[in-house]
């Protein structure tokens, strides 16, 4: 079986992945029963177990599982193989890390299978359902005081993420995710037979003994986080009140070595799904970065440096190089699978724009050292939940206290400039400007009739809550070693560089317009660097 037949990219602006066949709920039920046997009353009564469709996201479909007279409910999540093996492995490890190292409320994973070559034909994971309702469903009924209290609580959760520092940029994994299976060749690239072994086969982890850390497959460079994390753990718990954090000395790696790493291999079949037993999984490590620029439109088949990285410059350079790889070879992959039109590309337009895309990509690489020139080599990196919108925050329906944070599938260890943004639910496309008086609270019963008043109130609330969030975060990190944040302009420039590096192949004009603007801005920011950058773009 090849994962190509399980996924197709929609022909629209966002090009989201879509399902090409229906899921077999009978199989889902069978898998769930097998792995919930140790969670549910024995003997298990088949008629008491209920399974029904719950919801779906960009990459996943979720099914709700309940059992008569059993207080805990469960979610069975089925995933599209947008990044086979690594997406599921990283999310499970991230949840395990958060449960073992922080007090952030996240789901407990019971079992998972990160190989789609199984009885269901898709990757899946089984986890407890966190009690609560989505913030989105109760936002309108919350008082202003309750909204500010929730914002304060969320700022504390984000602060806890920032308290733990890492020496590399990438995604979190169990060390066991990169074990080398005996007799298996090393990775040689996506879509080929080699794979950095994943043979942690578990039937029931209650009888397993903790293992020693496994040997690493050196074709995939990862960074061991345990030495760094263990001594931070007690400090991280106390730091919320004091705002202080200390870190260990940085693990030094040759940054140049990452630029020569081959792509990680595709997943091989593990004969049994895995169950969470954190000790026997060998601890945690920072490995390849899970980012859309490395998997969208079958980029997963292309070779490239997927991390981990020792600097922002290393990560951004790898992303632009992936775009160059796609410009040069992506069409061949799409042609070979008859997917060019499927992904929404007009081949003639792509052929015409490809030379411009390539020129702009090389110019992006030329200005990158200037944008990252002031970056400190001893900096630390932090975990970021990039999608904190109101549907991913669960609250108690009465007190509105946070009961859980969900959707950690693309959580990565990132530079502070990537994480120094507001939670998504507080962001506003058209932000409130000025010091106008507080708009009255409109009637939400007939939203269609009061759109203007509701929009004005929403924008005002978002602005005030962003200000409150900023003040809260600043008070929490007042004495923190990351409180000496990057210059706001530098941070925003790096965020825009990352954004428009993606647009190099999506909207080439936007990327070119931003490039011209940043050349002028760099000239104003530093006369010496401005002359260099201006010469670079003129030559291009």
Protein backbone atom coordinates (compact mmCIF):
# COMPACT_ATOMS: atom_id res chain seq x y z
CA UNK A 1 0.00 0.00 0.00
CA UNK A 2 1.28 3.50 -0.77
CA UNK A 3 0.03 6.57 1.04
CA UNK A 4 -0.49 8.38 -2.25
CA UNK A 5 -3.81 6.61 -2.67
CA UNK A 6 -5.01 7.79 0.74
CA UNK A 7 -4.70 11.52 0.15
CA UNK A 8 -5.47 14.13 -2.48
CA UNK A 9 -4.90 17.88 -2.38
CA UNK A 10 -7.97 20.03 -3.05
CA UNK A 11 -8.06 22.40 -6.01
CA UNK A 12 -8.63 25.60 -4.08
CA UNK A 13 -6.77 28.54 -2.58
CA UNK A 14 -5.76 26.72 0.61
CA UNK A 15 -5.24 23.31 -1.06
CA UNK A 16 -6.22 21.29 1.98
CA UNK A 17 -5.77 17.51 1.89
CA UNK A 18 -8.91 15.47 1.37
CA UNK A 19 -9.98 11.89 1.95
CA UNK A 20 -10.28 9.63 -1.07
CA UNK A 21 -12.21 6.82 0.61
CA UNK A 22 -14.53 6.26 3.54
CA UNK A 23 -13.31 4.98 6.87
CA UNK A 24 -14.48 1.60 8.10
CA UNK A 25 -16.17 2.26 11.45
CA UNK A 26 -16.37 -1.46 12.17
CA UNK A 27 -12.56 -1.65 12.07
CA UNK A 28 -12.25 1.46 14.23
CA UNK A 29 -14.58 -0.11 16.78
CA UNK A 30 -12.57 -3.33 16.78
CA UNK A 31 -9.25 -1.52 17.32
CA UNK A 32 -10.73 0.64 20.07
CA UNK A 33 -12.19 -2.36 21.93
CA UNK A 34 -8.85 -4.13 21.81
CA UNK A 35 -6.92 -1.23 23.31
CA UNK A 36 -9.57 -0.12 25.79
CA UNK A 37 -9.82 -3.56 27.36
CA UNK A 38 -7.56 -2.46 30.23
CA UNK A 39 -9.47 0.83 30.63
CA UNK A 40 -13.06 -0.42 30.71
CA UNK A 41 -14.89 -2.75 33.13
CA UNK A 42 -14.26 -6.45 32.59
CA UNK A 43 -15.77 -8.41 31.02
CA UNK A 44 -16.41 -5.85 28.28
CA UNK A 45 -20.00 -5.71 27.08
CA UNK A 46 -19.99 -5.00 23.36
CA UNK A 47 -23.49 -3.54 23.48
CA UNK A 48 -22.44 -0.95 26.07
CA UNK A 49 -19.72 0.52 23.86
CA UNK A 50 -20.88 3.35 21.60
CA UNK A 51 -18.85 4.85 18.73
CA UNK A 52 -19.97 7.85 16.69
CA UNK A 53 -18.43 10.48 14.45
CA UNK A 54 -17.34 13.51 16.50
CA UNK A 55 -15.61 16.11 14.32
CA UNK A 56 -12.85 16.60 11.76
CA UNK A 57 -9.96 18.96 11.13
CA UNK A 58 -7.57 19.69 8.29
CA UNK A 59 -5.71 16.36 8.61
CA UNK A 60 -7.89 14.25 10.90
CA UNK A 61 -11.28 12.70 11.63
CA UNK A 62 -12.30 12.02 15.22
CA UNK A 63 -14.74 9.48 16.66
CA UNK A 64 -16.20 9.67 20.14
CA UNK A 65 -16.24 6.46 22.19
CA UNK A 66 -18.33 6.05 25.33
CA UNK A 67 -19.20 3.11 27.55
CA UNK A 68 -22.35 2.76 29.62
CA UNK A 69 -21.87 3.79 33.27
CA UNK A 70 -18.21 4.65 32.64
CA UNK A 71 -17.31 8.25 33.43
CA UNK A 72 -14.42 8.59 30.95
CA UNK A 73 -14.98 9.12 27.24
CA UNK A 74 -12.38 8.50 24.55
CA UNK A 75 -11.47 9.90 21.15
CA UNK A 76 -10.22 7.79 18.26
CA UNK A 77 -8.43 10.02 15.78
CA UNK A 78 -7.65 8.91 12.22
CA UNK A 79 -5.04 10.92 10.29
CA UNK A 80 -4.21 11.51 6.66
CA UNK A 81 -0.56 10.65 5.89
CA UNK A 82 0.50 14.20 5.01
CA UNK A 83 3.84 13.49 6.71
CA UNK A 84 3.83 9.71 7.18
CA UNK A 85 4.95 8.44 10.57
CA UNK A 86 6.54 11.67 11.80
CA UNK A 87 3.36 13.72 12.32
CA UNK A 88 1.77 11.12 14.58
CA UNK A 89 5.01 10.22 16.38
CA UNK A 90 5.73 13.87 17.10
CA UNK A 91 2.28 14.68 18.42
CA UNK A 92 2.20 11.67 20.74
CA UNK A 93 5.67 12.50 22.08
CA UNK A 94 4.70 16.16 22.55
CA UNK A 95 1.62 15.20 24.58
CA UNK A 96 3.67 12.76 26.65
CA UNK A 97 6.34 15.41 27.22
CA UNK A 98 3.78 17.99 28.37
CA UNK A 99 2.12 15.51 30.73
CA UNK A 100 5.41 14.43 32.27
CA UNK A 101 7.20 17.80 32.41
CA UNK A 102 4.44 20.40 32.92
CA UNK A 103 1.02 20.86 34.50
CA UNK A 104 -0.58 21.97 31.22
CA UNK A 105 -3.86 20.03 30.79
CA UNK A 106 -3.53 17.84 27.69
CA UNK A 107 -5.03 14.51 26.64
CA UNK A 108 -3.63 11.16 27.79
CA UNK A 109 -2.78 8.96 24.82
CA UNK A 110 -3.63 5.28 25.32
CA UNK A 111 -2.35 3.73 22.08
CA UNK A 112 -1.35 4.75 18.57
CA UNK A 113 -0.16 3.40 15.25
CA UNK A 114 2.01 5.72 13.16
CA UNK A 115 2.12 3.32 10.21
CA UNK A 116 -0.80 3.45 7.76
CA UNK A 117 -0.05 -0.11 6.59
CA UNK A 118 -2.43 -1.59 9.15
CA UNK A 119 -5.93 -3.06 9.29
CA UNK A 120 -7.54 0.39 9.09
CA UNK A 121 -5.23 1.67 6.34
CA UNK A 122 -4.56 4.97 8.16
CA UNK A 123 -2.47 6.24 11.04
CA UNK A 124 -4.49 6.55 14.23
CA UNK A 125 -4.29 7.36 17.91
CA UNK A 126 -6.61 6.62 20.83
CA UNK A 127 -6.77 9.06 23.74
CA UNK A 128 -8.92 10.15 26.63
CA UNK A 129 -11.37 12.94 25.94
CA UNK A 130 -10.75 16.03 28.07
CA UNK A 131 -13.88 17.20 29.83
CA UNK A 132 -15.14 20.67 28.95
CA UNK A 133 -16.62 22.69 26.10
CA UNK A 134 -14.85 24.75 23.48
CA UNK A 135 -14.17 28.37 24.33
CA UNK A 136 -15.81 29.26 21.04
CA UNK A 137 -19.15 27.81 22.17
CA UNK A 138 -19.38 29.96 25.32
CA UNK A 139 -17.46 33.11 24.39
CA UNK A 140 -20.57 35.21 23.77
CA UNK A 141 -22.03 34.42 27.20
CA UNK A 142 -18.87 35.25 29.17
CA UNK A 143 -18.61 38.53 31.05
CA UNK A 144 -15.74 40.92 30.43
CA UNK A 145 -14.18 39.96 33.78
CA UNK A 146 -14.36 36.26 32.90
CA UNK A 147 -12.69 36.93 29.54
CA UNK A 148 -9.81 38.80 31.16
CA UNK A 149 -9.39 36.02 33.75
CA UNK A 150 -9.26 33.41 31.00
CA UNK A 151 -6.67 35.48 29.11
CA UNK A 152 -4.57 35.65 32.28
CA UNK A 153 -4.84 31.88 32.74
CA UNK A 154 -3.83 31.24 29.12
CA UNK A 155 -0.84 33.57 29.47
CA UNK A 156 0.30 31.42 32.40
CA UNK A 157 0.05 28.28 30.25
CA UNK A 158 2.08 29.88 27.47
CA UNK A 159 4.63 31.01 30.05
CA UNK A 160 5.01 27.40 31.19
CA UNK A 161 5.81 26.42 27.60
CA UNK A 162 8.44 29.15 27.43
CA UNK A 163 10.04 28.06 30.69
CA UNK A 164 11.55 24.93 29.16
CA UNK A 165 14.44 25.64 26.82
CA UNK A 166 15.93 23.55 24.03
CA UNK A 167 19.17 23.82 22.08
CA UNK A 168 17.71 22.97 18.68
CA UNK A 169 14.76 23.86 16.47
CA UNK A 170 12.59 20.94 15.39
CA UNK A 171 9.76 18.69 16.56
CA UNK A 172 9.67 16.52 19.67
CA UNK A 173 9.87 12.72 19.42
CA UNK A 174 10.51 9.75 21.64
CA UNK A 175 14.09 8.60 21.25
CA UNK A 176 12.73 5.23 20.24
CA UNK A 177 11.22 6.77 17.09
CA UNK A 178 14.72 6.79 15.58
CA UNK A 179 16.00 3.40 16.63
CA UNK A 180 17.65 1.42 13.90
CA UNK A 181 15.94 -1.92 13.37
CA UNK A 182 18.46 -4.78 12.98
CA UNK A 183 19.17 -5.58 9.35
CA UNK A 184 17.47 -2.44 8.06
CA UNK A 185 19.42 0.05 5.89
CA UNK A 186 19.82 3.67 6.88
CA UNK A 187 17.59 6.39 5.50
CA UNK A 188 18.35 7.52 1.98
CA UNK A 189 15.42 9.81 1.28
CA UNK A 190 11.66 10.03 1.30
CA UNK A 191 9.85 7.41 -0.70
CA UNK A 192 12.69 4.88 -0.55
CA UNK A 193 13.08 1.72 1.46
CA UNK A 194 15.46 2.96 4.13
CA UNK A 195 14.01 4.16 7.42
CA UNK A 196 15.49 5.13 10.78
CA UNK A 197 13.90 2.27 12.63
CA UNK A 198 10.71 2.56 14.56
CA UNK A 199 10.42 -0.96 15.88
CA UNK A 200 9.10 -0.27 19.36
CA UNK A 201 6.42 -2.94 19.32
CA UNK A 202 4.23 -2.96 22.37
CA UNK A 203 1.42 -5.27 23.39
CA UNK A 204 0.80 -4.05 26.93
CA UNK A 205 3.26 -1.67 28.53
CA UNK A 206 2.27 -2.52 32.08
CA UNK A 207 4.73 -5.44 32.00
CA UNK A 208 7.59 -3.62 30.29
CA UNK A 209 10.72 -2.57 32.11
CA UNK A 210 12.33 0.84 31.49
CA UNK A 211 15.03 0.61 28.87
CA UNK A 212 18.34 2.30 28.40
CA UNK A 213 18.43 5.11 25.81
CA UNK A 214 18.55 3.54 22.34
CA UNK A 215 21.37 4.10 19.86
CA UNK A 216 20.60 6.81 17.34
CA UNK A 217 20.58 6.36 13.58
CA UNK A 218 23.08 8.99 12.51
CA UNK A 219 21.43 9.48 9.14
CA UNK A 220 18.91 11.53 11.10
CA UNK A 221 20.52 13.99 13.48
CA UNK A 222 18.51 14.57 16.62
CA UNK A 223 19.27 16.36 19.83
CA UNK A 224 18.79 14.65 23.19
CA UNK A 225 16.64 16.90 25.35
CA UNK A 226 16.71 14.86 28.56
CA UNK A 227 19.91 16.26 29.99
CA UNK A 228 18.62 19.75 29.38
CA UNK A 229 15.08 19.11 30.59
CA UNK A 230 15.63 17.09 33.75
CA UNK A 231 17.37 19.88 35.65
CA UNK A 232 14.82 22.43 34.41
CA UNK A 233 11.80 20.42 35.54
CA UNK A 234 11.63 21.58 39.14
CA UNK A 235 12.52 25.13 38.15
CA UNK A 236 9.79 25.16 35.52
CA UNK A 237 7.13 24.36 38.10
CA UNK A 238 8.18 27.24 40.35
CA UNK A 239 8.89 29.80 37.66
CA UNK A 240 5.28 30.80 36.92
CA UNK A 241 5.13 32.85 40.04
CA UNK A 242 8.64 34.25 39.96
CA UNK A 243 9.23 34.59 36.24
CA UNK A 244 12.77 33.21 36.62
CA UNK A 245 14.35 30.35 34.69
CA UNK A 246 17.84 28.94 34.41
CA UNK A 247 19.20 26.71 31.67
CA UNK A 248 22.02 24.28 31.15
CA UNK A 249 24.96 24.98 28.88
CA UNK A 250 24.20 24.55 25.22
CA UNK A 251 25.02 21.32 23.46
CA UNK A 252 27.34 22.33 20.63
CA UNK A 253 26.86 20.85 17.19
CA UNK A 254 28.32 21.82 13.87
CA UNK A 255 25.64 23.92 12.18
CA UNK A 256 27.10 23.14 8.79
CA UNK A 257 26.44 19.45 9.28
CA UNK A 258 22.68 19.97 9.07
CA UNK A 259 22.89 21.33 5.55
CA UNK A 260 24.22 17.99 4.29
CA UNK A 261 21.73 15.69 5.99
CA UNK A 262 19.66 13.44 3.74
CA UNK A 263 15.91 13.38 4.01
CA UNK A 264 14.39 10.99 6.49
CA UNK A 265 13.06 7.73 5.07
CA UNK A 266 9.42 6.69 4.85
CA UNK A 267 7.90 4.60 7.60
CA UNK A 268 8.12 0.82 7.68
CA UNK A 269 5.50 -1.37 9.26
CA UNK A 270 5.62 -1.89 13.00
CA UNK A 271 3.88 -5.17 13.67
CA UNK A 272 1.94 -3.87 16.66
CA UNK A 273 0.56 -0.45 17.63
CA UNK A 274 2.30 1.28 20.51
CA UNK A 275 1.12 2.12 23.99
CA UNK A 276 2.37 4.97 26.14
CA UNK A 277 4.98 3.93 28.66
CA UNK A 278 7.28 6.92 28.85
CA UNK A 279 10.20 5.21 30.58
CA UNK A 280 10.42 2.34 28.12
CA UNK A 281 10.17 4.72 25.16
CA UNK A 282 13.60 6.04 26.05
CA UNK A 283 12.94 9.71 26.77
CA UNK A 284 12.55 12.60 24.38
CA UNK A 285 14.59 14.12 21.58
CA UNK A 286 14.35 17.01 19.10
CA UNK A 287 14.21 15.72 15.53
CA UNK A 288 12.94 16.69 12.06
CA UNK A 289 10.69 19.72 11.89
CA UNK A 290 7.05 19.11 10.96
CA UNK A 291 6.14 22.13 8.82
CA UNK A 292 3.85 22.51 5.82
CA UNK A 293 6.71 23.66 3.60
CA UNK A 294 8.14 20.14 3.87
CA UNK A 295 4.98 18.17 3.06
CA UNK A 296 2.40 20.21 1.12
CA UNK A 297 1.72 19.09 -2.47
CA UNK A 298 3.83 15.96 -2.07
CA UNK A 299 6.97 17.83 -0.99
CA UNK A 300 7.29 14.86 1.34
CA UNK A 301 8.91 13.02 -1.60
CA UNK A 302 11.64 15.65 -2.05
CA UNK A 303 15.06 15.43 -0.38
CA UNK A 304 16.06 18.26 1.91
CA UNK A 305 17.29 19.33 5.31
CA UNK A 306 14.33 18.88 7.68
CA UNK A 307 16.28 19.59 10.84
CA UNK A 308 16.87 19.80 13.65
CA UNK A 309 18.53 23.22 13.34
CA UNK A 310 20.86 25.17 15.58
CA UNK A 311 19.69 28.62 14.49
CA UNK A 312 16.90 30.57 12.85
CA UNK A 313 19.11 31.08 9.84
CA UNK A 314 19.59 27.33 9.44
CA UNK A 315 15.84 26.70 9.55
CA UNK A 316 14.91 29.53 7.18
CA UNK A 317 17.65 28.55 4.75
CA UNK A 318 16.36 24.97 4.68
CA UNK A 319 12.83 26.20 3.95
CA UNK A 320 13.93 28.33 1.00
CA UNK A 321 16.07 25.46 -0.29
CA UNK A 322 12.99 23.22 -0.14
CA UNK A 323 11.17 25.76 -2.29
CA UNK A 324 14.03 25.66 -4.79
CA UNK A 325 13.84 21.87 -4.79
CA UNK A 326 10.11 22.07 -5.45
CA UNK A 327 10.54 24.62 -8.24
CA UNK A 328 13.11 22.39 -9.95
CA UNK A 329 11.71 18.91 -9.29
CA UNK A 330 8.22 19.23 -7.86
CA UNK A 331 6.56 19.21 -11.26
CA UNK A 332 8.26 15.92 -12.11
CA UNK A 333 6.76 14.33 -9.01
CA UNK A 334 3.36 15.75 -9.78
CA UNK A 335 3.57 14.61 -13.40
CA UNK A 336 4.61 11.12 -12.39
CA UNK A 337 1.48 10.85 -10.25
CA UNK A 338 -0.82 12.89 -12.51
CA UNK A 339 -1.28 15.37 -9.69
CA UNK A 340 -0.36 18.74 -11.20
CA UNK A 341 -3.90 19.86 -11.96
CA UNK A 342 -5.10 18.08 -8.82
CA UNK A 343 -3.02 20.46 -6.71
CA UNK A 344 -4.54 23.48 -8.42
CA UNK A 345 -1.56 24.39 -10.61
CA UNK A 346 -1.87 25.59 -14.18
CA UNK A 347 1.19 24.06 -15.81
CA UNK A 348 1.67 26.89 -18.34
CA UNK A 349 1.57 29.51 -15.57
CA UNK A 350 3.98 27.48 -13.44
CA UNK A 351 6.41 27.16 -16.37
CA UNK A 352 6.29 30.90 -16.94
CA UNK A 353 6.75 31.83 -13.27
CA UNK A 354 9.37 29.21 -12.39
CA UNK A 355 12.39 31.32 -13.48
CA UNK A 356 11.12 34.25 -11.39
CA UNK A 357 10.47 31.94 -8.45
CA UNK A 358 14.02 30.67 -8.65
CA UNK A 359 15.57 34.16 -8.87
CA UNK A 360 13.54 35.38 -5.92
CA UNK A 361 14.45 32.28 -3.90
CA UNK A 362 18.16 32.87 -4.42
CA UNK A 363 17.71 36.51 -3.44
CA UNK A 364 15.91 35.43 -0.27
CA UNK A 365 18.98 33.32 0.56
CA UNK A 366 21.28 36.27 -0.08
CA UNK A 367 19.49 38.61 2.33
CA UNK A 368 18.98 35.95 5.01
CA UNK A 369 22.36 36.48 6.78
CA UNK A 370 21.58 40.20 7.09
CA UNK A 371 18.20 39.50 8.67
CA UNK A 372 19.74 37.06 11.16
CA UNK A 373 22.95 38.99 11.78
CA UNK A 374 22.10 40.01 15.34
CA UNK A 375 20.92 36.59 16.45
CA UNK A 376 22.72 35.36 19.56
CA UNK A 377 24.55 32.05 19.07
CA UNK A 378 23.76 30.94 22.63
CA UNK A 379 20.01 31.46 22.31
CA UNK A 380 17.46 28.92 23.50
CA UNK A 381 14.37 27.66 21.71
CA UNK A 382 10.90 27.01 23.09
CA UNK A 383 7.77 24.97 22.44
CA UNK A 384 4.96 26.76 20.60
CA UNK A 385 1.33 25.78 20.12
CA UNK A 386 0.79 27.67 16.88
CA UNK A 387 -3.01 27.30 16.68
CA UNK A 388 -4.56 28.53 19.93
CA UNK A 389 -7.93 29.47 18.49
CA UNK A 390 -11.14 29.26 20.48
CA UNK A 391 -11.98 25.74 19.27
CA UNK A 392 -8.71 24.34 20.65
CA UNK A 393 -9.21 25.73 24.16
CA UNK A 394 -11.55 23.72 26.39
CA UNK A 395 -13.19 25.33 29.42
CA UNK A 396 -15.55 24.44 32.22
CA UNK A 397 -19.04 25.53 31.05
CA UNK A 398 -19.81 27.12 34.44
CA UNK A 399 -16.57 28.63 35.75
CA UNK A 400 -14.93 29.14 32.33
CA UNK A 401 -11.64 27.92 33.75
CA UNK A 402 -9.42 26.16 31.20
CA UNK A 403 -9.77 22.36 31.37
CA UNK A 404 -7.61 21.43 28.39
CA UNK A 405 -5.66 22.48 25.34
CA UNK A 406 -6.04 20.31 22.22
CA UNK A 407 -4.62 20.00 18.69
CA UNK A 408 -0.87 19.78 19.36
CA UNK A 409 -0.10 18.05 16.06
CA UNK A 410 2.09 20.80 14.60
CA UNK A 411 3.67 21.96 17.84
CA UNK A 412 7.37 22.56 17.34
CA UNK A 413 10.42 23.82 19.18
CA UNK A 414 10.95 27.25 17.65
CA UNK A 415 12.89 30.50 18.09
CA UNK A 416 11.30 33.08 20.39
CA UNK A 417 10.46 35.36 17.46
CA UNK A 418 8.09 32.69 16.13
CA UNK A 419 6.39 32.24 19.51
CA UNK A 420 6.11 35.93 20.45
CA UNK A 421 2.71 36.40 18.85
CA UNK A 422 -0.77 36.56 20.34
CA UNK A 423 -2.97 33.47 20.63
CA UNK A 424 -4.97 33.04 17.44
CA UNK A 425 -8.33 33.71 19.11
CA UNK A 426 -7.11 37.20 20.09
CA UNK A 427 -5.80 38.09 16.67
CA UNK A 428 -7.86 40.27 14.36
CA UNK A 429 -7.56 40.67 10.60
CA UNK A 430 -8.89 44.23 10.94
CA UNK A 431 -7.66 45.32 14.39
CA UNK A 432 -9.30 48.04 16.48
CA UNK A 433 -7.37 51.29 16.16
CA UNK A 434 -7.49 54.33 18.39
CA UNK A 435 -8.81 55.11 21.85
CA UNK A 436 -12.48 55.19 21.05
CA UNK A 437 -14.93 54.71 23.88
CA UNK A 438 -15.95 51.18 24.78
CA UNK A 439 -18.69 50.07 22.37
CA UNK A 440 -21.88 48.83 24.05
CA UNK A 441 -22.41 45.10 24.33
CA UNK A 442 -24.75 44.21 21.46
CA UNK A 443 -27.49 41.63 21.44
CA UNK A 444 -26.05 38.31 20.29
CA UNK A 445 -29.42 36.66 19.84
CA UNK A 446 -29.82 38.05 16.33
CA UNK A 447 -26.26 38.31 15.03
CA UNK A 448 -27.33 38.70 11.41
CA UNK A 449 -29.24 41.88 12.30
CA UNK A 450 -26.49 43.46 14.37
CA UNK A 451 -23.35 42.60 12.40
CA UNK A 452 -21.75 46.06 12.51
CA UNK A 453 -22.24 46.53 16.25
CA UNK A 454 -21.00 43.01 16.98
CA UNK A 455 -17.93 43.44 14.78
CA UNK A 456 -17.06 46.74 16.46
CA UNK A 457 -17.40 45.19 19.93
CA UNK A 458 -15.35 42.12 18.92
CA UNK A 459 -12.53 44.28 17.59
CA UNK A 460 -12.51 46.40 20.73
CA UNK A 461 -12.45 43.33 22.98
CA UNK A 462 -9.66 41.69 20.97
CA UNK A 463 -7.53 44.84 21.24
CA UNK A 464 -8.06 45.18 24.99
CA UNK A 465 -7.45 41.48 25.62
CA UNK A 466 -4.25 41.55 23.54
CA UNK A 467 -3.03 44.45 25.67
CA UNK A 468 -3.95 42.52 28.83
CA UNK A 469 -2.19 39.40 27.51
CA UNK A 470 0.97 41.42 26.78
CA UNK A 471 1.00 42.99 30.24
CA UNK A 472 0.50 39.59 31.87
CA UNK A 473 3.27 37.93 29.88
CA UNK A 474 5.65 40.80 30.58
CA UNK A 475 4.96 40.57 34.31
CA UNK A 476 5.62 36.81 34.25
CA UNK A 477 8.92 37.06 32.36
CA UNK A 478 10.19 40.25 34.01
CA UNK A 479 13.29 38.50 35.37
CA UNK A 480 13.51 35.75 32.77
CA UNK A 481 16.62 35.31 30.63
CA UNK A 482 14.43 35.51 27.50
CA UNK A 483 12.85 38.77 28.61
CA UNK A 484 15.51 40.63 26.66
CA UNK A 485 13.47 39.92 23.59
CA UNK A 486 14.60 40.57 20.09
CA UNK A 487 14.01 43.96 18.58
CA UNK A 488 10.36 44.01 17.47
CA UNK A 489 11.35 44.94 13.94
CA UNK A 490 13.83 42.07 13.70
CA UNK A 491 11.29 39.57 15.03
CA UNK A 492 8.59 40.78 12.64
CA UNK A 493 11.05 40.68 9.73
CA UNK A 494 11.91 37.05 10.45
CA UNK A 495 8.24 36.13 10.74
CA UNK A 496 7.58 37.79 7.39
CA UNK A 497 10.61 36.09 5.83
CA UNK A 498 9.16 32.72 6.82
CA UNK A 499 5.71 33.67 5.57
CA UNK A 500 6.88 34.96 2.19
CA UNK A 501 9.31 32.07 1.72
CA UNK A 502 6.14 29.98 1.50
CA UNK A 503 4.60 32.46 -0.93
CA UNK A 504 7.56 32.04 -3.30
CA UNK A 505 5.64 29.21 -4.97
CA UNK A 506 2.12 30.16 -3.89
CA UNK A 507 1.92 33.85 -4.78
CA UNK A 508 5.16 34.90 -6.40
CA UNK A 509 4.09 38.53 -6.77
CA UNK A 510 3.49 38.88 -3.04
CA UNK A 511 6.93 37.41 -2.33
CA UNK A 512 8.57 39.80 -4.81
CA UNK A 513 6.73 42.83 -3.42
CA UNK A 514 7.80 42.00 0.13
CA UNK A 515 11.38 41.45 -1.00
CA UNK A 516 11.53 44.93 -2.50
CA UNK A 517 10.04 46.45 0.64
CA UNK A 518 12.47 44.68 2.94
CA UNK A 519 15.43 45.84 0.87
CA UNK A 520 14.43 49.44 1.50
CA UNK A 521 13.76 48.72 5.17
CA UNK A 522 17.16 47.07 5.60
CA UNK A 523 18.78 50.11 4.06
CA UNK A 524 17.06 52.37 6.59
CA UNK A 525 17.85 50.01 9.46
CA UNK A 526 21.58 49.82 8.74
CA UNK A 527 23.35 51.86 6.11
CA UNK A 528 26.14 49.30 5.69
CA UNK A 529 23.82 46.36 5.31
CA UNK A 530 21.44 48.43 3.22
CA UNK A 531 24.09 49.04 0.54
CA UNK A 532 24.92 45.33 0.47
CA UNK A 533 21.29 44.26 0.17
CA UNK A 534 20.49 46.85 -2.47
CA UNK A 535 23.39 45.57 -4.59
CA UNK A 536 22.15 42.01 -4.19
CA UNK A 537 18.68 42.73 -5.48
CA UNK A 538 19.92 44.87 -8.36
CA UNK A 539 22.22 42.04 -9.44
CA UNK A 540 19.29 39.59 -9.24
